[in-house]
Amino acid sequence: MKEIIDVSERHARALIPYLEGIKQDGDPESYWMARRIVRRWTEFPTMLQKPNAYSDGAAKVVQSRGISLETLKMAKYTDQCKRSGLQDGPGHSTGLLHHEHMVPVSQLVKELVELPEYTVNAIITYVRKRALVAWILKAEQKELDKVCRTGLRTPELLESLNIKLNIEQD
């Protein structure tokens, strides 16, 4: 547990100068780096201390492979193709599953820039509160992208596309 806290603190601490650069003059390199840090941080449910959400379709796929929903909820992006993970290989592009940031990383960064102060605790709290990553089917992701390529995946939008998301509440 201490290791997870240390990694989250390291990510939050690394974000501070980039958030300051974005706020000060909209520095594109700072924005790019902030997005990379937030993306990497949120790809690990243990670091986020929040399980992945998942669509009914993704649940059916993993259960048909004999994989538990607990494994799906805690699977990292890098677990997608592993035999010990989601067995969705041989490569990310060939499988059925997609690791989707339901709150886009770019949106999280924009929101972080607006925080009243950049402290490690404020950043960690905000990212944990706002980040939502879900395993969905690639077919569902394609439908989402047709209507909302980079925007927030609202419950209304998901419902309109018949995507039921299972989210574990804190």
N, C-alpha and C. Protein backbone atom coordinates (compact mmCIF):
# COMPACT_ATOMS: atom_id res chain seq x y z
N MET A 1 0.82 -1.20 0.00
CA MET A 1 0.00 0.00 0.00
C MET A 1 0.86 1.26 0.00
N LYS A 2 1.95 1.25 0.79
CA LYS A 2 2.84 2.40 0.83
C LYS A 2 3.42 2.66 -0.56
N GLU A 3 3.76 1.59 -1.29
CA GLU A 3 4.32 1.74 -2.64
C GLU A 3 3.34 2.45 -3.55
N ILE A 4 2.05 2.12 -3.45
CA ILE A 4 1.02 2.76 -4.27
C ILE A 4 0.94 4.25 -3.93
N ILE A 5 0.96 4.56 -2.65
CA ILE A 5 0.90 5.95 -2.23
C ILE A 5 2.12 6.70 -2.76
N ASP A 6 3.30 6.09 -2.65
CA ASP A 6 4.52 6.73 -3.15
C ASP A 6 4.44 7.00 -4.65
N VAL A 7 3.92 6.04 -5.42
CA VAL A 7 3.82 6.22 -6.86
C VAL A 7 2.82 7.33 -7.19
N SER A 8 1.69 7.35 -6.51
CA SER A 8 0.71 8.41 -6.73
C SER A 8 1.30 9.76 -6.38
N GLU A 9 2.02 9.82 -5.29
CA GLU A 9 2.66 11.08 -4.90
C GLU A 9 3.69 11.50 -5.94
N ARG A 10 4.43 10.54 -6.46
CA ARG A 10 5.43 10.84 -7.48
C ARG A 10 4.77 11.41 -8.74
N HIS A 11 3.65 10.80 -9.15
CA HIS A 11 2.92 11.31 -10.32
C HIS A 11 2.39 12.72 -10.06
N ALA A 12 1.80 12.92 -8.90
CA ALA A 12 1.24 14.23 -8.57
C ALA A 12 2.34 15.29 -8.50
N ARG A 13 3.44 14.95 -7.88
CA ARG A 13 4.56 15.89 -7.77
C ARG A 13 5.12 16.22 -9.16
N ALA A 14 5.20 15.22 -10.02
CA ALA A 14 5.71 15.45 -11.39
C ALA A 14 4.78 16.35 -12.19
N LEU A 15 3.48 16.30 -11.90
CA LEU A 15 2.51 17.11 -12.64
C LEU A 15 2.60 18.61 -12.34
N ILE A 16 3.00 18.96 -11.15
CA ILE A 16 2.93 20.35 -10.71
C ILE A 16 3.62 21.33 -11.67
N PRO A 17 4.89 21.13 -12.04
CA PRO A 17 5.50 22.12 -12.94
C PRO A 17 4.81 22.19 -14.30
N TYR A 18 4.26 21.09 -14.77
CA TYR A 18 3.58 21.10 -16.05
C TYR A 18 2.25 21.84 -15.96
N LEU A 19 1.53 21.64 -14.87
CA LEU A 19 0.28 22.39 -14.68
C LEU A 19 0.58 23.89 -14.58
N GLU A 20 1.65 24.23 -13.88
CA GLU A 20 2.03 25.64 -13.78
C GLU A 20 2.37 26.22 -15.15
N GLY A 21 3.09 25.43 -15.98
CA GLY A 21 3.44 25.88 -17.33
C GLY A 21 2.22 26.09 -18.20
N ILE A 22 1.25 25.21 -18.07
CA ILE A 22 0.00 25.35 -18.84
C ILE A 22 -0.74 26.59 -18.39
N LYS A 23 -0.85 26.76 -17.08
CA LYS A 23 -1.60 27.90 -16.54
C LYS A 23 -0.92 29.22 -16.90
N GLN A 24 0.39 29.23 -16.86
CA GLN A 24 1.14 30.46 -17.10
C GLN A 24 1.03 30.92 -18.55
N ASP A 25 1.28 30.04 -19.49
CA ASP A 25 1.30 30.50 -20.88
C ASP A 25 0.76 29.48 -21.88
N GLY A 26 0.04 28.48 -21.39
CA GLY A 26 -0.54 27.49 -22.30
C GLY A 26 0.50 26.65 -23.02
N ASP A 27 1.67 26.47 -22.41
CA ASP A 27 2.78 25.75 -23.02
C ASP A 27 2.34 24.37 -23.56
N PRO A 28 2.43 24.15 -24.88
CA PRO A 28 1.98 22.88 -25.45
C PRO A 28 2.79 21.68 -24.99
N GLU A 29 4.10 21.85 -24.75
CA GLU A 29 4.90 20.73 -24.26
C GLU A 29 4.48 20.33 -22.84
N SER A 30 4.16 21.34 -22.03
CA SER A 30 3.69 21.05 -20.68
C SER A 30 2.36 20.31 -20.73
N TYR A 31 1.50 20.73 -21.64
CA TYR A 31 0.20 20.07 -21.78
C TYR A 31 0.40 18.62 -22.21
N TRP A 32 1.28 18.39 -23.17
CA TRP A 32 1.55 17.03 -23.65
C TRP A 32 2.07 16.16 -22.51
N MET A 33 3.04 16.68 -21.74
CA MET A 33 3.62 15.91 -20.64
C MET A 33 2.59 15.64 -19.55
N ALA A 34 1.78 16.62 -19.23
CA ALA A 34 0.75 16.43 -18.21
C ALA A 34 -0.22 15.32 -18.63
N ARG A 35 -0.60 15.32 -19.89
CA ARG A 35 -1.49 14.25 -20.39
C ARG A 35 -0.82 12.89 -20.28
N ARG A 36 0.45 12.78 -20.60
CA ARG A 36 1.17 11.50 -20.51
C ARG A 36 1.20 11.01 -19.06
N ILE A 37 1.47 11.90 -18.12
CA ILE A 37 1.54 11.52 -16.71
C ILE A 37 0.18 11.05 -16.22
N VAL A 38 -0.86 11.80 -16.53
CA VAL A 38 -2.20 11.43 -16.07
C VAL A 38 -2.64 10.12 -16.72
N ARG A 39 -2.37 9.95 -18.01
CA ARG A 39 -2.75 8.70 -18.70
C ARG A 39 -2.07 7.51 -18.03
N ARG A 40 -0.78 7.61 -17.81
CA ARG A 40 -0.04 6.49 -17.21
C ARG A 40 -0.56 6.18 -15.81
N TRP A 41 -0.80 7.21 -15.03
CA TRP A 41 -1.28 7.05 -13.66
C TRP A 41 -2.63 6.34 -13.66
N THR A 42 -3.52 6.74 -14.53
CA THR A 42 -4.89 6.22 -14.50
C THR A 42 -5.03 4.87 -15.19
N GLU A 43 -3.98 4.38 -15.82
CA GLU A 43 -4.04 3.05 -16.44
C GLU A 43 -3.88 1.93 -15.41
N PHE A 44 -3.59 2.28 -14.17
CA PHE A 44 -3.37 1.31 -13.12
C PHE A 44 -4.41 1.49 -12.02
N PRO A 45 -5.40 0.61 -11.95
CA PRO A 45 -6.44 0.76 -10.91
C PRO A 45 -5.87 0.75 -9.49
N THR A 46 -4.77 0.03 -9.28
CA THR A 46 -4.19 0.02 -7.93
C THR A 46 -3.61 1.38 -7.58
N MET A 47 -3.00 2.07 -8.56
CA MET A 47 -2.46 3.41 -8.28
C MET A 47 -3.60 4.41 -8.10
N LEU A 48 -4.64 4.24 -8.88
CA LEU A 48 -5.78 5.13 -8.79
C LEU A 48 -6.60 4.81 -7.54
N GLN A 49 -6.40 3.63 -6.99
CA GLN A 49 -7.16 3.10 -5.86
C GLN A 49 -8.65 3.13 -6.16
N LYS A 50 -8.95 2.68 -7.38
CA LYS A 50 -10.32 2.69 -7.85
C LYS A 50 -10.42 1.62 -8.94
N PRO A 51 -11.35 0.69 -8.81
CA PRO A 51 -11.45 -0.36 -9.84
C PRO A 51 -11.96 0.20 -11.16
N ASN A 52 -11.61 -0.48 -12.23
CA ASN A 52 -12.14 -0.14 -13.54
C ASN A 52 -13.64 -0.38 -13.57
N ALA A 53 -14.34 0.43 -14.32
CA ALA A 53 -15.72 0.12 -14.66
C ALA A 53 -15.65 -0.84 -15.85
N TYR A 54 -16.78 -1.40 -16.24
CA TYR A 54 -16.79 -2.30 -17.39
C TYR A 54 -18.19 -2.35 -17.97
N SER A 55 -18.25 -2.55 -19.27
CA SER A 55 -19.55 -2.67 -19.92
C SER A 55 -20.05 -4.11 -19.80
N ASP A 56 -21.34 -4.27 -19.99
CA ASP A 56 -21.90 -5.63 -19.97
C ASP A 56 -21.25 -6.49 -21.04
N GLY A 57 -20.98 -5.89 -22.21
CA GLY A 57 -20.34 -6.63 -23.30
C GLY A 57 -18.95 -7.12 -22.93
N ALA A 58 -18.15 -6.26 -22.30
CA ALA A 58 -16.81 -6.65 -21.87
C ALA A 58 -16.88 -7.75 -20.82
N ALA A 59 -17.86 -7.64 -19.92
CA ALA A 59 -18.04 -8.66 -18.89
C ALA A 59 -18.34 -10.02 -19.51
N LYS A 60 -19.19 -10.05 -20.51
CA LYS A 60 -19.53 -11.32 -21.17
C LYS A 60 -18.31 -11.93 -21.84
N VAL A 61 -17.49 -11.09 -22.48
CA VAL A 61 -16.30 -11.60 -23.16
C VAL A 61 -15.34 -12.24 -22.16
N VAL A 62 -15.01 -11.53 -21.08
CA VAL A 62 -14.04 -12.09 -20.14
C VAL A 62 -14.59 -13.30 -19.41
N GLN A 63 -15.87 -13.27 -19.07
CA GLN A 63 -16.45 -14.43 -18.39
C GLN A 63 -16.49 -15.65 -19.31
N SER A 64 -16.68 -15.43 -20.61
CA SER A 64 -16.66 -16.56 -21.55
C SER A 64 -15.25 -17.18 -21.64
N ARG A 65 -14.25 -16.42 -21.24
CA ARG A 65 -12.86 -16.92 -21.21
C ARG A 65 -12.51 -17.50 -19.85
N GLY A 66 -13.47 -17.54 -18.94
CA GLY A 66 -13.22 -18.08 -17.61
C GLY A 66 -12.49 -17.10 -16.69
N ILE A 67 -12.60 -15.82 -16.99
CA ILE A 67 -11.93 -14.78 -16.21
C ILE A 67 -12.97 -14.09 -15.34
N SER A 68 -12.62 -13.85 -14.09
CA SER A 68 -13.57 -13.24 -13.16
C SER A 68 -13.72 -11.74 -13.41
N LEU A 69 -14.84 -11.22 -12.95
CA LEU A 69 -15.06 -9.78 -13.03
C LEU A 69 -14.08 -9.03 -12.13
N GLU A 70 -13.64 -9.67 -11.06
CA GLU A 70 -12.64 -9.04 -10.18
C GLU A 70 -11.33 -8.80 -10.95
N THR A 71 -10.96 -9.76 -11.78
CA THR A 71 -9.76 -9.59 -12.61
C THR A 71 -9.96 -8.44 -13.58
N LEU A 72 -11.13 -8.37 -14.21
CA LEU A 72 -11.43 -7.29 -15.15
C LEU A 72 -11.37 -5.93 -14.46
N LYS A 73 -11.94 -5.85 -13.26
CA LYS A 73 -11.98 -4.58 -12.54
C LYS A 73 -10.59 -4.07 -12.17
N MET A 74 -9.65 -4.97 -11.98
CA MET A 74 -8.32 -4.56 -11.57
C MET A 74 -7.27 -4.69 -12.68
N ALA A 75 -7.70 -5.00 -13.89
CA ALA A 75 -6.77 -5.19 -15.01
C ALA A 75 -6.20 -3.86 -15.48
N LYS A 76 -4.88 -3.85 -15.66
CA LYS A 76 -4.19 -2.69 -16.22
C LYS A 76 -4.29 -2.79 -17.73
N TYR A 77 -4.03 -1.68 -18.39
CA TYR A 77 -3.99 -1.66 -19.85
C TYR A 77 -3.05 -2.74 -20.37
N THR A 78 -1.92 -2.89 -19.71
CA THR A 78 -0.91 -3.86 -20.14
C THR A 78 -1.33 -5.31 -19.89
N ASP A 79 -2.38 -5.55 -19.14
CA ASP A 79 -2.88 -6.91 -18.89
C ASP A 79 -3.78 -7.41 -20.01
N GLN A 80 -4.10 -6.55 -20.94
CA GLN A 80 -5.08 -6.90 -21.97
C GLN A 80 -4.72 -8.19 -22.71
N CYS A 81 -3.49 -8.34 -23.11
CA CYS A 81 -3.10 -9.47 -23.96
C CYS A 81 -2.44 -10.62 -23.19
N LYS A 82 -2.20 -10.45 -21.92
CA LYS A 82 -1.49 -11.48 -21.16
C LYS A 82 -2.40 -12.68 -20.87
N ARG A 83 -1.80 -13.86 -20.89
CA ARG A 83 -2.56 -15.06 -20.51
C ARG A 83 -3.04 -14.98 -19.08
N SER A 84 -2.25 -14.34 -18.23
CA SER A 84 -2.65 -14.19 -16.83
C SER A 84 -3.59 -13.00 -16.64
N GLY A 85 -3.83 -12.27 -17.71
CA GLY A 85 -4.71 -11.10 -17.64
C GLY A 85 -6.04 -11.38 -18.32
N LEU A 86 -6.32 -10.63 -19.39
CA LEU A 86 -7.62 -10.72 -20.06
C LEU A 86 -7.60 -11.59 -21.31
N GLN A 87 -6.44 -12.11 -21.68
CA GLN A 87 -6.30 -13.04 -22.81
C GLN A 87 -6.90 -12.48 -24.10
N ASP A 88 -6.70 -11.19 -24.33
CA ASP A 88 -7.31 -10.53 -25.48
C ASP A 88 -6.25 -10.26 -26.55
N GLY A 89 -5.46 -11.26 -26.86
CA GLY A 89 -4.33 -11.07 -27.75
C GLY A 89 -4.55 -11.66 -29.11
N PRO A 90 -3.51 -11.72 -29.89
CA PRO A 90 -2.11 -11.56 -29.51
C PRO A 90 -1.66 -10.11 -29.33
N GLY A 91 -2.40 -9.15 -29.83
CA GLY A 91 -2.01 -7.74 -29.69
C GLY A 91 -3.20 -6.88 -29.36
N HIS A 92 -2.94 -5.66 -28.89
CA HIS A 92 -4.02 -4.75 -28.51
C HIS A 92 -4.97 -4.46 -29.68
N SER A 93 -4.44 -4.41 -30.87
CA SER A 93 -5.27 -4.05 -32.03
C SER A 93 -6.14 -5.20 -32.53
N THR A 94 -5.84 -6.41 -32.10
CA THR A 94 -6.57 -7.57 -32.63
C THR A 94 -7.65 -8.10 -31.69
N GLY A 95 -7.70 -7.63 -30.47
CA GLY A 95 -8.64 -8.17 -29.50
C GLY A 95 -10.02 -7.54 -29.58
N LEU A 96 -10.87 -7.93 -28.64
CA LEU A 96 -12.24 -7.45 -28.58
C LEU A 96 -12.42 -6.31 -27.58
N LEU A 97 -11.46 -6.14 -26.68
CA LEU A 97 -11.62 -5.20 -25.57
C LEU A 97 -10.86 -3.90 -25.81
N HIS A 98 -11.39 -2.83 -25.20
CA HIS A 98 -10.77 -1.50 -25.30
C HIS A 98 -10.76 -0.88 -23.91
N HIS A 99 -9.63 -0.29 -23.55
CA HIS A 99 -9.43 0.37 -22.26
C HIS A 99 -9.74 1.85 -22.46
N GLU A 100 -10.91 2.29 -22.03
CA GLU A 100 -11.42 3.63 -22.35
C GLU A 100 -11.42 4.55 -21.14
N HIS A 101 -10.87 5.74 -21.31
CA HIS A 101 -10.98 6.78 -20.29
C HIS A 101 -12.34 7.46 -20.49
N MET A 102 -13.28 7.19 -19.62
CA MET A 102 -14.61 7.76 -19.75
C MET A 102 -14.60 9.27 -19.48
N VAL A 103 -13.71 9.70 -18.64
CA VAL A 103 -13.40 11.13 -18.51
C VAL A 103 -12.07 11.27 -19.25
N PRO A 104 -12.07 11.88 -20.43
CA PRO A 104 -10.85 11.93 -21.23
C PRO A 104 -9.68 12.55 -20.46
N VAL A 105 -8.50 12.04 -20.74
CA VAL A 105 -7.30 12.53 -20.07
C VAL A 105 -7.13 14.04 -20.31
N SER A 106 -7.41 14.48 -21.51
CA SER A 106 -7.28 15.93 -21.80
C SER A 106 -8.22 16.74 -20.92
N GLN A 107 -9.41 16.22 -20.67
CA GLN A 107 -10.37 16.90 -19.79
C GLN A 107 -9.86 16.94 -18.35
N LEU A 108 -9.30 15.82 -17.88
CA LEU A 108 -8.74 15.80 -16.53
C LEU A 108 -7.64 16.84 -16.38
N VAL A 109 -6.77 16.93 -17.38
CA VAL A 109 -5.67 17.92 -17.31
C VAL A 109 -6.24 19.33 -17.27
N LYS A 110 -7.22 19.62 -18.13
CA LYS A 110 -7.83 20.96 -18.12
C LYS A 110 -8.42 21.29 -16.74
N GLU A 111 -9.07 20.30 -16.14
CA GLU A 111 -9.66 20.50 -14.82
C GLU A 111 -8.58 20.68 -13.75
N LEU A 112 -7.50 19.91 -13.85
CA LEU A 112 -6.40 20.04 -12.89
C LEU A 112 -5.76 21.43 -12.96
N VAL A 113 -5.64 21.98 -14.16
CA VAL A 113 -5.06 23.32 -14.32
C VAL A 113 -5.89 24.34 -13.54
N GLU A 114 -7.18 24.11 -13.43
CA GLU A 114 -8.08 25.07 -12.76
C GLU A 114 -8.13 24.90 -11.24
N LEU A 115 -7.42 23.94 -10.70
CA LEU A 115 -7.40 23.79 -9.24
C LEU A 115 -6.88 25.08 -8.61
N PRO A 116 -7.41 25.47 -7.45
CA PRO A 116 -6.96 26.71 -6.81
C PRO A 116 -5.50 26.67 -6.37
N GLU A 117 -5.01 25.47 -6.04
CA GLU A 117 -3.59 25.34 -5.67
C GLU A 117 -3.10 23.97 -6.12
N TYR A 118 -1.83 23.91 -6.45
CA TYR A 118 -1.22 22.66 -6.91
C TYR A 118 -0.43 22.02 -5.78
N THR A 119 -1.12 21.23 -4.99
CA THR A 119 -0.46 20.46 -3.95
C THR A 119 -0.60 18.99 -4.30
N VAL A 120 0.29 18.19 -3.79
CA VAL A 120 0.26 16.75 -4.04
C VAL A 120 -1.08 16.17 -3.62
N ASN A 121 -1.55 16.52 -2.42
CA ASN A 121 -2.81 15.97 -1.92
C ASN A 121 -4.00 16.41 -2.76
N ALA A 122 -4.01 17.68 -3.17
CA ALA A 122 -5.13 18.18 -3.98
C ALA A 122 -5.18 17.47 -5.33
N ILE A 123 -4.03 17.25 -5.92
CA ILE A 123 -3.97 16.58 -7.23
C ILE A 123 -4.40 15.13 -7.11
N ILE A 124 -3.86 14.42 -6.12
CA ILE A 124 -4.23 13.01 -5.93
C ILE A 124 -5.73 12.89 -5.69
N THR A 125 -6.26 13.70 -4.80
CA THR A 125 -7.69 13.65 -4.49
C THR A 125 -8.53 13.91 -5.73
N TYR A 126 -8.16 14.92 -6.50
CA TYR A 126 -8.94 15.26 -7.69
C TYR A 126 -8.90 14.16 -8.74
N VAL A 127 -7.72 13.64 -9.01
CA VAL A 127 -7.60 12.58 -10.02
C VAL A 127 -8.39 11.35 -9.59
N ARG A 128 -8.28 10.96 -8.34
CA ARG A 128 -9.02 9.78 -7.86
C ARG A 128 -10.53 9.99 -7.93
N LYS A 129 -10.95 11.20 -7.68
CA LYS A 129 -12.39 11.50 -7.70
C LYS A 129 -12.92 11.51 -9.13
N ARG A 130 -12.21 12.13 -10.05
CA ARG A 130 -12.73 12.38 -11.40
C ARG A 130 -12.40 11.29 -12.42
N ALA A 131 -11.27 10.62 -12.27
CA ALA A 131 -10.88 9.64 -13.29
C ALA A 131 -11.85 8.46 -13.29
N LEU A 132 -12.21 8.04 -14.48
CA LEU A 132 -13.03 6.85 -14.64
C LEU A 132 -12.55 6.12 -15.89
N VAL A 133 -12.03 4.93 -15.68
CA VAL A 133 -11.53 4.12 -16.77
C VAL A 133 -12.40 2.87 -16.84
N ALA A 134 -12.74 2.46 -18.05
CA ALA A 134 -13.63 1.31 -18.21
C ALA A 134 -13.13 0.39 -19.32
N TRP A 135 -13.35 -0.88 -19.12
CA TRP A 135 -13.15 -1.86 -20.19
C TRP A 135 -14.47 -1.96 -20.94
N ILE A 136 -14.41 -1.69 -22.22
CA ILE A 136 -15.58 -1.81 -23.09
C ILE A 136 -15.18 -2.61 -24.32
N LEU A 137 -16.15 -2.98 -25.11
CA LEU A 137 -15.86 -3.66 -26.37
C LEU A 137 -15.33 -2.66 -27.39
N LYS A 138 -14.46 -3.12 -28.27
CA LYS A 138 -13.98 -2.23 -29.34
C LYS A 138 -15.13 -1.76 -30.21
N ALA A 139 -16.14 -2.61 -30.39
CA ALA A 139 -17.32 -2.20 -31.17
C ALA A 139 -18.04 -1.05 -30.47
N GLU A 140 -18.10 -1.09 -29.13
CA GLU A 140 -18.72 0.00 -28.37
C GLU A 140 -17.88 1.28 -28.48
N GLN A 141 -16.57 1.12 -28.44
CA GLN A 141 -15.68 2.28 -28.57
C GLN A 141 -15.84 2.95 -29.92
N LYS A 142 -16.00 2.16 -30.97
CA LYS A 142 -16.19 2.74 -32.31
C LYS A 142 -17.49 3.53 -32.38
N GLU A 143 -18.53 3.03 -31.76
CA GLU A 143 -19.81 3.76 -31.73
C GLU A 143 -19.68 5.05 -30.93
N LEU A 144 -18.98 4.99 -29.81
CA LEU A 144 -18.73 6.20 -29.00
C LEU A 144 -17.98 7.24 -29.81
N ASP A 145 -16.94 6.80 -30.49
CA ASP A 145 -16.12 7.74 -31.26
C ASP A 145 -16.88 8.38 -32.42
N LYS A 146 -17.87 7.69 -32.95
CA LYS A 146 -18.67 8.27 -34.05
C LYS A 146 -19.42 9.51 -33.58
N VAL A 147 -19.88 9.50 -32.34
CA VAL A 147 -20.70 10.61 -31.84
C VAL A 147 -19.97 11.54 -30.87
N CYS A 148 -18.86 11.06 -30.29
CA CYS A 148 -18.17 11.86 -29.27
C CYS A 148 -16.73 11.38 -29.17
N ARG A 149 -15.90 11.80 -30.10
CA ARG A 149 -14.53 11.28 -30.17
C ARG A 149 -13.69 11.61 -28.95
N THR A 150 -13.74 12.84 -28.48
CA THR A 150 -12.86 13.22 -27.36
C THR A 150 -13.61 13.80 -26.17
N GLY A 151 -14.92 13.75 -26.19
CA GLY A 151 -15.68 14.36 -25.11
C GLY A 151 -15.96 13.42 -23.96
N LEU A 152 -16.59 13.96 -22.96
CA LEU A 152 -16.97 13.22 -21.77
C LEU A 152 -18.03 12.18 -22.12
N ARG A 153 -17.81 10.99 -21.66
CA ARG A 153 -18.76 9.89 -21.91
C ARG A 153 -19.83 9.93 -20.81
N THR A 154 -20.86 10.71 -21.04
CA THR A 154 -21.91 10.89 -20.03
C THR A 154 -22.80 9.66 -19.96
N PRO A 155 -23.48 9.46 -18.82
CA PRO A 155 -24.42 8.34 -18.72
C PRO A 155 -25.49 8.40 -19.81
N GLU A 156 -25.92 9.60 -20.16
CA GLU A 156 -26.95 9.75 -21.20
C GLU A 156 -26.43 9.30 -22.56
N LEU A 157 -25.19 9.66 -22.86
CA LEU A 157 -24.58 9.25 -24.12
C LEU A 157 -24.44 7.73 -24.18
N LEU A 158 -23.95 7.14 -23.12
CA LEU A 158 -23.79 5.69 -23.08
C LEU A 158 -25.13 4.99 -23.23
N GLU A 159 -26.13 5.50 -22.53
CA GLU A 159 -27.48 4.92 -22.61
C GLU A 159 -28.02 5.00 -24.03
N SER A 160 -27.79 6.14 -24.70
CA SER A 160 -28.29 6.30 -26.07
C SER A 160 -27.65 5.31 -27.04
N LEU A 161 -26.47 4.80 -26.68
CA LEU A 161 -25.76 3.83 -27.52
C LEU A 161 -25.91 2.41 -26.99
N ASN A 162 -26.80 2.22 -26.02
CA ASN A 162 -27.06 0.91 -25.41
C ASN A 162 -25.81 0.29 -24.78
N ILE A 163 -25.00 1.14 -24.16
CA ILE A 163 -23.83 0.67 -23.44
C ILE A 163 -24.13 0.81 -21.95
N LYS A 164 -24.22 -0.33 -21.27
CA LYS A 164 -24.47 -0.30 -19.83
C LYS A 164 -23.13 -0.46 -19.13
N LEU A 165 -22.77 0.57 -18.35
CA LEU A 165 -21.51 0.57 -17.64
C LEU A 165 -21.73 0.17 -16.19
N ASN A 166 -20.94 -0.76 -15.72
CA ASN A 166 -20.98 -1.21 -14.33
C ASN A 166 -19.86 -0.50 -13.59
N ILE A 167 -20.25 0.33 -12.61
CA ILE A 167 -19.29 1.15 -11.89
C ILE A 167 -19.40 0.81 -10.41
N GLU A 168 -18.26 0.49 -9.80
CA GLU A 168 -18.23 0.23 -8.37
C GLU A 168 -18.17 1.57 -7.65
N GLN A 169 -19.11 1.82 -6.80
CA GLN A 169 -19.17 3.10 -6.07
C GLN A 169 -18.23 3.07 -4.88
N ASP A 170 -17.63 4.24 -4.58
CA ASP A 170 -16.74 4.35 -3.40
C ASP A 170 -17.52 4.26 -2.13
